[in-house]
Amino acid sequence: MAAPGFNAAIKPKGKRSKAQGTGELPRLGLHPEVPGTCARPRCGAVADTLDEADLPAGWVRAGVYGSTDPDRVWCSGLCATYGVALAELRVERRPVVRADA
């Protein structure tokens, strides 16, 4: 008989049909907003036009170096992630100039 641990056989906890494949996974309790549909005023506004001291707590300023899209302020991390992803799509490609050439 194998000692409990790595060599022990996995014991099924109960019968489960294939239709209940996700029965043990946690369910999402909140319905998050779809990125890009945030209705909060000033969410996604250009950061240079706003005084960041006037923004509510928890707001995020985000930008991508080399992007044609300017830095923006976002109401949450979800909105900021969406904005950074869009800014990454707008990065300018610049030729690399070598010093030895």
PDB file of N, CA and C in Angstrom:
ATOM      1  N   MET A   1       0.845  -1.178   0.000  1.00  0.00           N
ATOM      2  CA  MET A   1       0.000   0.000   0.000  1.00  0.00           C
ATOM      3  C   MET A   1       0.895   1.246   0.000  1.00  0.00           C
ATOM      4  N   ALA A   2       0.526   2.185  -0.828  1.00  0.00           N
ATOM      5  CA  ALA A   2       1.316   3.402  -0.952  1.00  0.00           C
ATOM      6  C   ALA A   2       1.022   4.342   0.206  1.00  0.00           C
ATOM      7  N   ALA A   3       2.060   5.021   0.631  1.00  0.00           N
ATOM      8  CA  ALA A   3       1.898   6.001   1.694  1.00  0.00           C
ATOM      9  C   ALA A   3       1.140   7.208   1.146  1.00  0.00           C
ATOM     10  N   PRO A   4       0.349   7.887   1.975  1.00  0.00           N
ATOM     11  CA  PRO A   4      -0.356   9.060   1.477  1.00  0.00           C
ATOM     12  C   PRO A   4       0.645  10.123   1.019  1.00  0.00           C
ATOM     13  N   GLY A   5       0.381  10.699  -0.090  1.00  0.00           N
ATOM     14  CA  GLY A   5       1.285  11.706  -0.648  1.00  0.00           C
ATOM     15  C   GLY A   5       1.292  11.617  -2.156  1.00  0.00           C
ATOM     16  N   PHE A   6       2.485  11.674  -2.725  1.00  0.00           N
ATOM     17  CA  PHE A   6       2.599  11.723  -4.182  1.00  0.00           C
ATOM     18  C   PHE A   6       2.200  10.421  -4.866  1.00  0.00           C
ATOM     19  N   ASN A   7       2.414   9.301  -4.213  1.00  0.00           N
ATOM     20  CA  ASN A   7       2.157   8.011  -4.839  1.00  0.00           C
ATOM     21  C   ASN A   7       0.748   7.500  -4.618  1.00  0.00           C
ATOM     22  N   ALA A   8       0.000   8.121  -3.759  1.00  0.00           N
ATOM     23  CA  ALA A   8      -1.349   7.645  -3.455  1.00  0.00           C
ATOM     24  C   ALA A   8      -2.276   7.933  -4.628  1.00  0.00           C
ATOM     25  N   ALA A   9      -3.179   7.014  -4.871  1.00  0.00           N
ATOM     26  CA  ALA A   9      -4.157   7.195  -5.945  1.00  0.00           C
ATOM     27  C   ALA A   9      -5.161   8.280  -5.562  1.00  0.00           C
ATOM     28  N   ILE A  10      -5.609   9.028  -6.539  1.00  0.00           N
ATOM     29  CA  ILE A  10      -6.595  10.073  -6.293  1.00  0.00           C
ATOM     30  C   ILE A  10      -7.952   9.421  -6.129  1.00  0.00           C
ATOM     31  N   LYS A  11      -8.624   9.752  -5.046  1.00  0.00           N
ATOM     32  CA  LYS A  11      -9.933   9.181  -4.782  1.00  0.00           C
ATOM     33  C   LYS A  11     -11.010  10.141  -5.273  1.00  0.00           C
ATOM     34  N   PRO A  12     -11.940   9.677  -6.066  1.00  0.00           N
ATOM     35  CA  PRO A  12     -13.031  10.564  -6.499  1.00  0.00           C
ATOM     36  C   PRO A  12     -13.913  10.927  -5.319  1.00  0.00           C
ATOM     37  N   LYS A  13     -14.374  12.178  -5.287  1.00  0.00           N
ATOM     38  CA  LYS A  13     -15.187  12.659  -4.172  1.00  0.00           C
ATOM     39  C   LYS A  13     -16.653  12.321  -4.345  1.00  0.00           C
ATOM     40  N   GLY A  14     -17.053  11.977  -5.499  1.00  0.00           N
ATOM     41  CA  GLY A  14     -18.454  11.653  -5.741  1.00  0.00           C
ATOM     42  C   GLY A  14     -18.711  11.552  -7.233  1.00  0.00           C
ATOM     43  N   LYS A  15     -19.870  11.020  -7.562  1.00  0.00           N
ATOM     44  CA  LYS A  15     -20.189  10.891  -8.977  1.00  0.00           C
ATOM     45  C   LYS A  15     -20.566  12.254  -9.539  1.00  0.00           C
ATOM     46  N   ARG A  16     -20.064  12.500 -10.721  1.00  0.00           N
ATOM     47  CA  ARG A  16     -20.330  13.758 -11.377  1.00  0.00           C
ATOM     48  C   ARG A  16     -20.491  13.498 -12.872  1.00  0.00           C
ATOM     49  N   SER A  17     -21.513  14.043 -13.432  1.00  0.00           N
ATOM     50  CA  SER A  17     -21.712  13.861 -14.861  1.00  0.00           C
ATOM     51  C   SER A  17     -20.807  14.820 -15.635  1.00  0.00           C
ATOM     52  N   LYS A  18     -20.633  14.564 -16.919  1.00  0.00           N
ATOM     53  CA  LYS A  18     -19.796  15.425 -17.748  1.00  0.00           C
ATOM     54  C   LYS A  18     -20.411  16.810 -17.898  1.00  0.00           C
ATOM     55  N   ALA A  19     -21.706  16.935 -17.766  1.00  0.00           N
ATOM     56  CA  ALA A  19     -22.372  18.226 -17.878  1.00  0.00           C
ATOM     57  C   ALA A  19     -22.045  19.130 -16.691  1.00  0.00           C
ATOM     58  N   GLN A  20     -21.633  18.545 -15.585  1.00  0.00           N
ATOM     59  CA  GLN A  20     -21.297  19.317 -14.391  1.00  0.00           C
ATOM     60  C   GLN A  20     -19.783  19.498 -14.265  1.00  0.00           C
ATOM     61  N   GLY A  21     -19.104  19.672 -15.353  1.00  0.00           N
ATOM     62  CA  GLY A  21     -17.649  19.764 -15.358  1.00  0.00           C
ATOM     63  C   GLY A  21     -17.101  20.921 -14.548  1.00  0.00           C
ATOM     64  N   THR A  22     -17.836  22.001 -14.433  1.00  0.00           N
ATOM     65  CA  THR A  22     -17.345  23.141 -13.669  1.00  0.00           C
ATOM     66  C   THR A  22     -18.049  23.262 -12.322  1.00  0.00           C
ATOM     67  N   GLY A  23     -18.565  22.184 -11.811  1.00  0.00           N
ATOM     68  CA  GLY A  23     -19.321  22.228 -10.568  1.00  0.00           C
ATOM     69  C   GLY A  23     -18.529  22.693  -9.364  1.00  0.00           C
ATOM     70  N   GLU A  24     -17.227  22.473  -9.326  1.00  0.00           N
ATOM     71  CA  GLU A  24     -16.436  22.842  -8.171  1.00  0.00           C
ATOM     72  C   GLU A  24     -15.759  24.199  -8.325  1.00  0.00           C
ATOM     73  N   LEU A  25     -15.858  24.841  -9.468  1.00  0.00           N
ATOM     74  CA  LEU A  25     -15.239  26.138  -9.659  1.00  0.00           C
ATOM     75  C   LEU A  25     -16.095  27.231  -9.037  1.00  0.00           C
ATOM     76  N   PRO A  26     -15.471  28.264  -8.498  1.00  0.00           N
ATOM     77  CA  PRO A  26     -16.259  29.350  -7.909  1.00  0.00           C
ATOM     78  C   PRO A  26     -17.013  30.122  -8.985  1.00  0.00           C
ATOM     79  N   ARG A  27     -18.145  30.614  -8.629  1.00  0.00           N
ATOM     80  CA  ARG A  27     -18.967  31.395  -9.551  1.00  0.00           C
ATOM     81  C   ARG A  27     -18.652  32.875  -9.371  1.00  0.00           C
ATOM     82  N   LEU A  28     -18.698  33.620 -10.439  1.00  0.00           N
ATOM     83  CA  LEU A  28     -18.454  35.047 -10.379  1.00  0.00           C
ATOM     84  C   LEU A  28     -19.685  35.726  -9.819  1.00  0.00           C
ATOM     85  N   GLY A  29     -19.539  36.394  -8.683  1.00  0.00           N
ATOM     86  CA  GLY A  29     -20.683  37.018  -8.035  1.00  0.00           C
ATOM     87  C   GLY A  29     -21.029  38.376  -8.607  1.00  0.00           C
ATOM     88  N   LEU A  30     -20.020  39.119  -9.061  1.00  0.00           N
ATOM     89  CA  LEU A  30     -20.260  40.442  -9.603  1.00  0.00           C
ATOM     90  C   LEU A  30     -20.294  40.384 -11.121  1.00  0.00           C
ATOM     91  N   HIS A  31     -20.977  41.304 -11.702  1.00  0.00           N
ATOM     92  CA  HIS A  31     -20.996  41.411 -13.148  1.00  0.00           C
ATOM     93  C   HIS A  31     -20.149  42.613 -13.533  1.00  0.00           C
ATOM     94  N   PRO A  32     -18.861  42.400 -13.846  1.00  0.00           N
ATOM     95  CA  PRO A  32     -18.002  43.540 -14.148  1.00  0.00           C
ATOM     96  C   PRO A  32     -18.418  44.218 -15.448  1.00  0.00           C
ATOM     97  N   GLU A  33     -18.090  45.489 -15.533  1.00  0.00           N
ATOM     98  CA  GLU A  33     -18.397  46.231 -16.749  1.00  0.00           C
ATOM     99  C   GLU A  33     -17.507  45.753 -17.884  1.00  0.00           C
ATOM    100  N   VAL A  34     -18.028  45.815 -19.077  1.00  0.00           N
ATOM    101  CA  VAL A  34     -17.235  45.480 -20.244  1.00  0.00           C
ATOM    102  C   VAL A  34     -16.264  46.628 -20.485  1.00  0.00           C
ATOM    103  N   PRO A  35     -14.969  46.349 -20.664  1.00  0.00           N
ATOM    104  CA  PRO A  35     -14.020  47.438 -20.889  1.00  0.00           C
ATOM    105  C   PRO A  35     -14.410  48.289 -22.096  1.00  0.00           C
ATOM    106  N   GLY A  36     -14.251  49.571 -21.946  1.00  0.00           N
ATOM    107  CA  GLY A  36     -14.588  50.486 -23.020  1.00  0.00           C
ATOM    108  C   GLY A  36     -15.996  51.035 -22.941  1.00  0.00           C
ATOM    109  N   THR A  37     -16.782  50.556 -21.972  1.00  0.00           N
ATOM    110  CA  THR A  37     -18.155  51.031 -21.830  1.00  0.00           C
ATOM    111  C   THR A  37     -18.368  51.773 -20.514  1.00  0.00           C
ATOM    112  N   CYS A  38     -17.279  52.187 -19.870  1.00  0.00           N
ATOM    113  CA  CYS A  38     -17.391  52.874 -18.589  1.00  0.00           C
ATOM    114  C   CYS A  38     -18.104  54.211 -18.786  1.00  0.00           C
ATOM    115  N   ALA A  39     -19.053  54.493 -17.919  1.00  0.00           N
ATOM    116  CA  ALA A  39     -19.855  55.715 -18.041  1.00  0.00           C
ATOM    117  C   ALA A  39     -19.433  56.801 -17.045  1.00  0.00           C
ATOM    118  N   ARG A  40     -18.348  56.568 -16.294  1.00  0.00           N
ATOM    119  CA  ARG A  40     -17.914  57.572 -15.323  1.00  0.00           C
ATOM    120  C   ARG A  40     -17.339  58.779 -16.047  1.00  0.00           C
ATOM    121  N   PRO A  41     -17.715  59.975 -15.615  1.00  0.00           N
ATOM    122  CA  PRO A  41     -17.160  61.167 -16.258  1.00  0.00           C
ATOM    123  C   PRO A  41     -15.655  61.266 -16.016  1.00  0.00           C
ATOM    124  N   ARG A  42     -14.927  61.709 -16.995  1.00  0.00           N
ATOM    125  CA  ARG A  42     -13.479  61.905 -16.986  1.00  0.00           C
ATOM    126  C   ARG A  42     -12.676  60.616 -17.050  1.00  0.00           C
ATOM    127  N   CYS A  43     -13.310  59.450 -17.080  1.00  0.00           N
ATOM    128  CA  CYS A  43     -12.573  58.193 -17.214  1.00  0.00           C
ATOM    129  C   CYS A  43     -12.062  58.110 -18.653  1.00  0.00           C
ATOM    130  N   GLY A  44     -10.739  58.013 -18.804  1.00  0.00           N
ATOM    131  CA  GLY A  44     -10.126  57.966 -20.125  1.00  0.00           C
ATOM    132  C   GLY A  44      -9.751  59.325 -20.677  1.00  0.00           C
ATOM    133  N   ALA A  45      -9.892  60.371 -19.852  1.00  0.00           N
ATOM    134  CA  ALA A  45      -9.546  61.715 -20.308  1.00  0.00           C
ATOM    135  C   ALA A  45      -8.031  61.870 -20.373  1.00  0.00           C
ATOM    136  N   VAL A  46      -7.572  62.732 -21.245  1.00  0.00           N
ATOM    137  CA  VAL A  46      -6.137  62.987 -21.381  1.00  0.00           C
ATOM    138  C   VAL A  46      -5.619  63.570 -20.065  1.00  0.00           C
ATOM    139  N   ALA A  47      -4.545  62.995 -19.560  1.00  0.00           N
ATOM    140  CA  ALA A  47      -4.039  63.363 -18.234  1.00  0.00           C
ATOM    141  C   ALA A  47      -3.470  64.774 -18.194  1.00  0.00           C
ATOM    142  N   ASP A  48      -2.972  65.276 -19.312  1.00  0.00           N
ATOM    143  CA  ASP A  48      -2.360  66.607 -19.315  1.00  0.00           C
ATOM    144  C   ASP A  48      -3.373  67.726 -19.138  1.00  0.00           C
ATOM    145  N   THR A  49      -4.648  67.452 -19.398  1.00  0.00           N
ATOM    146  CA  THR A  49      -5.666  68.486 -19.290  1.00  0.00           C
ATOM    147  C   THR A  49      -6.332  68.517 -17.923  1.00  0.00           C
ATOM    148  N   LEU A  50      -5.985  67.575 -17.033  1.00  0.00           N
ATOM    149  CA  LEU A  50      -6.634  67.479 -15.728  1.00  0.00           C
ATOM    150  C   LEU A  50      -5.644  67.740 -14.598  1.00  0.00           C
ATOM    151  N   ASP A  51      -6.140  68.304 -13.530  1.00  0.00           N
ATOM    152  CA  ASP A  51      -5.356  68.426 -12.311  1.00  0.00           C
ATOM    153  C   ASP A  51      -5.561  67.134 -11.534  1.00  0.00           C
ATOM    154  N   GLU A  52      -4.507  66.353 -11.391  1.00  0.00           N
ATOM    155  CA  GLU A  52      -4.643  65.039 -10.768  1.00  0.00           C
ATOM    156  C   GLU A  52      -5.010  65.118  -9.293  1.00  0.00           C
ATOM    157  N   ALA A  53      -4.816  66.249  -8.665  1.00  0.00           N
ATOM    158  CA  ALA A  53      -5.197  66.410  -7.259  1.00  0.00           C
ATOM    159  C   ALA A  53      -6.714  66.447  -7.101  1.00  0.00           C
ATOM    160  N   ASP A  54      -7.436  66.790  -8.161  1.00  0.00           N
ATOM    161  CA  ASP A  54      -8.899  66.854  -8.097  1.00  0.00           C
ATOM    162  C   ASP A  54      -9.569  65.510  -8.340  1.00  0.00           C
ATOM    163  N   LEU A  55      -8.816  64.496  -8.721  1.00  0.00           N
ATOM    164  CA  LEU A  55      -9.400  63.194  -9.017  1.00  0.00           C
ATOM    165  C   LEU A  55      -9.734  62.448  -7.727  1.00  0.00           C
ATOM    166  N   PRO A  56     -10.792  61.652  -7.735  1.00  0.00           N
ATOM    167  CA  PRO A  56     -11.134  60.857  -6.550  1.00  0.00           C
ATOM    168  C   PRO A  56     -10.056  59.811  -6.254  1.00  0.00           C
ATOM    169  N   ALA A  57     -10.038  59.327  -5.037  1.00  0.00           N
ATOM    170  CA  ALA A  57      -9.077  58.303  -4.639  1.00  0.00           C
ATOM    171  C   ALA A  57      -9.288  57.035  -5.463  1.00  0.00           C
ATOM    172  N   GLY A  58      -8.208  56.390  -5.833  1.00  0.00           N
ATOM    173  CA  GLY A  58      -8.281  55.141  -6.579  1.00  0.00           C
ATOM    174  C   GLY A  58      -8.139  55.307  -8.074  1.00  0.00           C
ATOM    175  N   TRP A  59      -8.116  56.535  -8.568  1.00  0.00           N
ATOM    176  CA  TRP A  59      -7.959  56.757 -10.000  1.00  0.00           C
ATOM    177  C   TRP A  59      -6.507  56.521 -10.380  1.00  0.00           C
ATOM    178  N   VAL A  60      -6.280  56.086 -11.626  1.00  0.00           N
ATOM    179  CA  VAL A  60      -4.975  55.672 -12.094  1.00  0.00           C
ATOM    180  C   VAL A  60      -4.576  56.497 -13.316  1.00  0.00           C
ATOM    181  N   ARG A  61      -3.328  56.954 -13.338  1.00  0.00           N
ATOM    182  CA  ARG A  61      -2.789  57.576 -14.547  1.00  0.00           C
ATOM    183  C   ARG A  61      -1.911  56.531 -15.226  1.00  0.00           C
ATOM    184  N   ALA A  62      -2.154  56.299 -16.508  1.00  0.00           N
ATOM    185  CA  ALA A  62      -1.402  55.272 -17.220  1.00  0.00           C
ATOM    186  C   ALA A  62      -1.093  55.729 -18.626  1.00  0.00           C
ATOM    187  N   GLY A  63       0.058  55.300 -19.101  1.00  0.00           N
ATOM    188  CA  GLY A  63       0.478  55.600 -20.451  1.00  0.00           C
ATOM    189  C   GLY A  63       1.538  54.616 -20.890  1.00  0.00           C
ATOM    190  N   VAL A  64       1.817  54.598 -22.170  1.00  0.00           N
ATOM    191  CA  VAL A  64       2.808  53.686 -22.733  1.00  0.00           C
ATOM    192  C   VAL A  64       3.871  54.523 -23.431  1.00  0.00           C
ATOM    193  N   TYR A  65       5.123  54.312 -23.071  1.00  0.00           N
ATOM    194  CA  TYR A  65       6.228  55.047 -23.671  1.00  0.00           C
ATOM    195  C   TYR A  65       6.306  54.727 -25.166  1.00  0.00           C
ATOM    196  N   GLY A  66       6.388  55.745 -25.984  1.00  0.00           N
ATOM    197  CA  GLY A  66       6.493  55.567 -27.426  1.00  0.00           C
ATOM    198  C   GLY A  66       5.159  55.486 -28.140  1.00  0.00           C
ATOM    199  N   SER A  67       4.067  55.563 -27.402  1.00  0.00           N
ATOM    200  CA  SER A  67       2.743  55.482 -28.020  1.00  0.00           C
ATOM    201  C   SER A  67       2.316  56.857 -28.527  1.00  0.00           C
ATOM    202  N   THR A  68       1.541  56.851 -29.582  1.00  0.00           N
ATOM    203  CA  THR A  68       0.983  58.109 -30.078  1.00  0.00           C
ATOM    204  C   THR A  68      -0.205  58.537 -29.232  1.00  0.00           C
ATOM    205  N   ASP A  69      -0.709  57.640 -28.427  1.00  0.00           N
ATOM    206  CA  ASP A  69      -1.818  57.942 -27.527  1.00  0.00           C
ATOM    207  C   ASP A  69      -1.247  58.575 -26.260  1.00  0.00           C
ATOM    208  N   PRO A  70      -1.745  59.741 -25.825  1.00  0.00           N
ATOM    209  CA  PRO A  70      -1.179  60.401 -24.632  1.00  0.00           C
ATOM    210  C   PRO A  70      -1.562  59.663 -23.345  1.00  0.00           C
ATOM    211  N   ASP A  71      -0.872  60.023 -22.242  1.00  0.00           N
ATOM    212  CA  ASP A  71      -1.228  59.471 -20.929  1.00  0.00           C
ATOM    213  C   ASP A  71      -2.668  59.852 -20.606  1.00  0.00           C
ATOM    214  N   ARG A  72      -3.362  58.947 -19.969  1.00  0.00           N
ATOM    215  CA  ARG A  72      -4.763  59.182 -19.626  1.00  0.00           C
ATOM    216  C   ARG A  72      -5.009  58.796 -18.173  1.00  0.00           C
ATOM    217  N   VAL A  73      -6.122  59.276 -17.607  1.00  0.00           N
ATOM    218  CA  VAL A  73      -6.523  58.892 -16.250  1.00  0.00           C
ATOM    219  C   VAL A  73      -7.718  57.956 -16.350  1.00  0.00           C
ATOM    220  N   TRP A  74      -7.727  56.968 -15.453  1.00  0.00           N
ATOM    221  CA  TRP A  74      -8.745  55.917 -15.490  1.00  0.00           C
ATOM    222  C   TRP A  74      -9.348  55.744 -14.106  1.00  0.00           C
ATOM    223  N   CYS A  75     -10.611  55.371 -14.059  1.00  0.00           N
ATOM    224  CA  CYS A  75     -11.311  55.255 -12.779  1.00  0.00           C
ATOM    225  C   CYS A  75     -10.974  53.976 -12.020  1.00  0.00           C
ATOM    226  N   SER A  76     -10.476  52.964 -12.719  1.00  0.00           N
ATOM    227  CA  SER A  76     -10.192  51.688 -12.061  1.00  0.00           C
ATOM    228  C   SER A  76      -9.067  50.967 -12.792  1.00  0.00           C
ATOM    229  N   GLY A  77      -8.596  49.909 -12.192  1.00  0.00           N
ATOM    230  CA  GLY A  77      -7.566  49.102 -12.832  1.00  0.00           C
ATOM    231  C   GLY A  77      -8.063  48.428 -14.095  1.00  0.00           C
ATOM    232  N   LEU A  78      -9.334  48.036 -14.120  1.00  0.00           N
ATOM    233  CA  LEU A  78      -9.900  47.397 -15.309  1.00  0.00           C
ATOM    234  C   LEU A  78      -9.897  48.368 -16.483  1.00  0.00           C
ATOM    235  N   CYS A  79     -10.324  49.595 -16.257  1.00  0.00           N
ATOM    236  CA  CYS A  79     -10.328  50.592 -17.324  1.00  0.00           C
ATOM    237  C   CYS A  79      -8.904  50.939 -17.745  1.00  0.00           C
ATOM    238  N   ALA A  80      -7.983  51.021 -16.778  1.00  0.00           N
ATOM    239  CA  ALA A  80      -6.589  51.336 -17.093  1.00  0.00           C
ATOM    240  C   ALA A  80      -5.956  50.233 -17.926  1.00  0.00           C
ATOM    241  N   THR A  81      -6.261  48.986 -17.613  1.00  0.00           N
ATOM    242  CA  THR A  81      -5.730  47.869 -18.386  1.00  0.00           C
ATOM    243  C   THR A  81      -6.201  47.940 -19.824  1.00  0.00           C
ATOM    244  N   TYR A  82      -7.461  48.264 -20.011  1.00  0.00           N
ATOM    245  CA  TYR A  82      -8.025  48.414 -21.347  1.00  0.00           C
ATOM    246  C   TYR A  82      -7.335  49.557 -22.092  1.00  0.00           C
ATOM    247  N   GLY A  83      -7.128  50.672 -21.409  1.00  0.00           N
ATOM    248  CA  GLY A  83      -6.486  51.823 -22.029  1.00  0.00           C
ATOM    249  C   GLY A  83      -5.035  51.568 -22.381  1.00  0.00           C
ATOM    250  N   VAL A  84      -4.305  50.872 -21.525  1.00  0.00           N
ATOM    251  CA  VAL A  84      -2.908  50.552 -21.804  1.00  0.00           C
ATOM    252  C   VAL A  84      -2.820  49.608 -22.998  1.00  0.00           C
ATOM    253  N   ALA A  85      -3.728  48.651 -23.085  1.00  0.00           N
ATOM    254  CA  ALA A  85      -3.732  47.732 -24.225  1.00  0.00           C
ATOM    255  C   ALA A  85      -3.953  48.493 -25.530  1.00  0.00           C
ATOM    256  N   LEU A  86      -4.858  49.458 -25.520  1.00  0.00           N
ATOM    257  CA  LEU A  86      -5.085  50.260 -26.719  1.00  0.00           C
ATOM    258  C   LEU A  86      -3.872  51.120 -27.045  1.00  0.00           C
ATOM    259  N   ALA A  87      -3.225  51.678 -26.017  1.00  0.00           N
ATOM    260  CA  ALA A  87      -2.045  52.510 -26.242  1.00  0.00           C
ATOM    261  C   ALA A  87      -0.884  51.682 -26.796  1.00  0.00           C
ATOM    262  N   GLU A  88      -0.786  50.416 -26.368  1.00  0.00           N
ATOM    263  CA  GLU A  88       0.274  49.558 -26.892  1.00  0.00           C
ATOM    264  C   GLU A  88       0.081  49.274 -28.380  1.00  0.00           C
ATOM    265  N   LEU A  89      -1.145  49.287 -28.839  1.00  0.00           N
ATOM    266  CA  LEU A  89      -1.408  49.087 -30.269  1.00  0.00           C
ATOM    267  C   LEU A  89      -0.991  50.299 -31.085  1.00  0.00           C
ATOM    268  N   ARG A  90      -0.831  51.438 -30.444  1.00  0.00           N
ATOM    269  CA  ARG A  90      -0.507  52.685 -31.133  1.00  0.00           C
ATOM    270  C   ARG A  90       0.941  53.123 -30.917  1.00  0.00           C
ATOM    271  N   VAL A  91       1.828  52.191 -30.649  1.00  0.00           N
ATOM    272  CA  VAL A  91       3.239  52.510 -30.464  1.00  0.00           C
ATOM    273  C   VAL A  91       3.861  52.764 -31.829  1.00  0.00           C
ATOM    274  N   GLU A  92       4.620  53.874 -31.925  1.00  0.00           N
ATOM    275  CA  GLU A  92       5.309  54.199 -33.170  1.00  0.00           C
ATOM    276  C   GLU A  92       6.539  53.317 -33.322  1.00  0.00           C
ATOM    277  N   ARG A  93       6.720  52.829 -34.507  1.00  0.00           N
ATOM    278  CA  ARG A  93       7.936  52.066 -34.787  1.00  0.00           C
ATOM    279  C   ARG A  93       8.976  53.031 -35.304  1.00  0.00           C
ATOM    280  N   ARG A  94      10.095  53.056 -34.636  1.00  0.00           N
ATOM    281  CA  ARG A  94      11.186  53.942 -35.040  1.00  0.00           C
ATOM    282  C   ARG A  94      12.382  53.078 -35.414  1.00  0.00           C
ATOM    283  N   PRO A  95      13.101  53.455 -36.453  1.00  0.00           N
ATOM    284  CA  PRO A  95      14.275  52.662 -36.822  1.00  0.00           C
ATOM    285  C   PRO A  95      15.362  52.779 -35.744  1.00  0.00           C
ATOM    286  N   VAL A  96      16.034  51.690 -35.507  1.00  0.00           N
ATOM    287  CA  VAL A  96      17.120  51.664 -34.533  1.00  0.00           C
ATOM    288  C   VAL A  96      18.374  52.178 -35.214  1.00  0.00           C
ATOM    289  N   VAL A  97      18.977  53.203 -34.646  1.00  0.00           N
ATOM    290  CA  VAL A  97      20.218  53.773 -35.182  1.00  0.00           C
ATOM    291  C   VAL A  97      21.358  53.326 -34.305  1.00  0.00           C
ATOM    292  N   ARG A  98      22.306  52.611 -34.891  1.00  0.00           N
ATOM    293  CA  ARG A  98      23.435  52.133 -34.125  1.00  0.00           C
ATOM    294  C   ARG A  98      24.541  53.169 -34.125  1.00  0.00           C
ATOM    295  N   ALA A  99      25.253  53.259 -33.027  1.00  0.00           N
ATOM    296  CA  ALA A  99      26.332  54.227 -32.879  1.00  0.00           C
ATOM    297  C   ALA A  99      27.541  53.842 -33.730  1.00  0.00           C
ATOM    298  N   ASP A 100      27.760  52.531 -33.959  1.00  0.00           N
ATOM    299  CA  ASP A 100      28.934  52.099 -34.700  1.00  0.00           C
ATOM    300  C   ASP A 100      28.734  52.135 -36.217  1.00  0.00           C
ATOM    301  N   ALA A 101      27.554  52.459 -36.681  1.00  0.00           N
ATOM    302  CA  ALA A 101      27.295  52.430 -38.123  1.00  0.00           C
ATOM    303  C   ALA A 101      27.734  53.672 -38.835  1.00  0.00           C
TER     304      ALA A 101
END
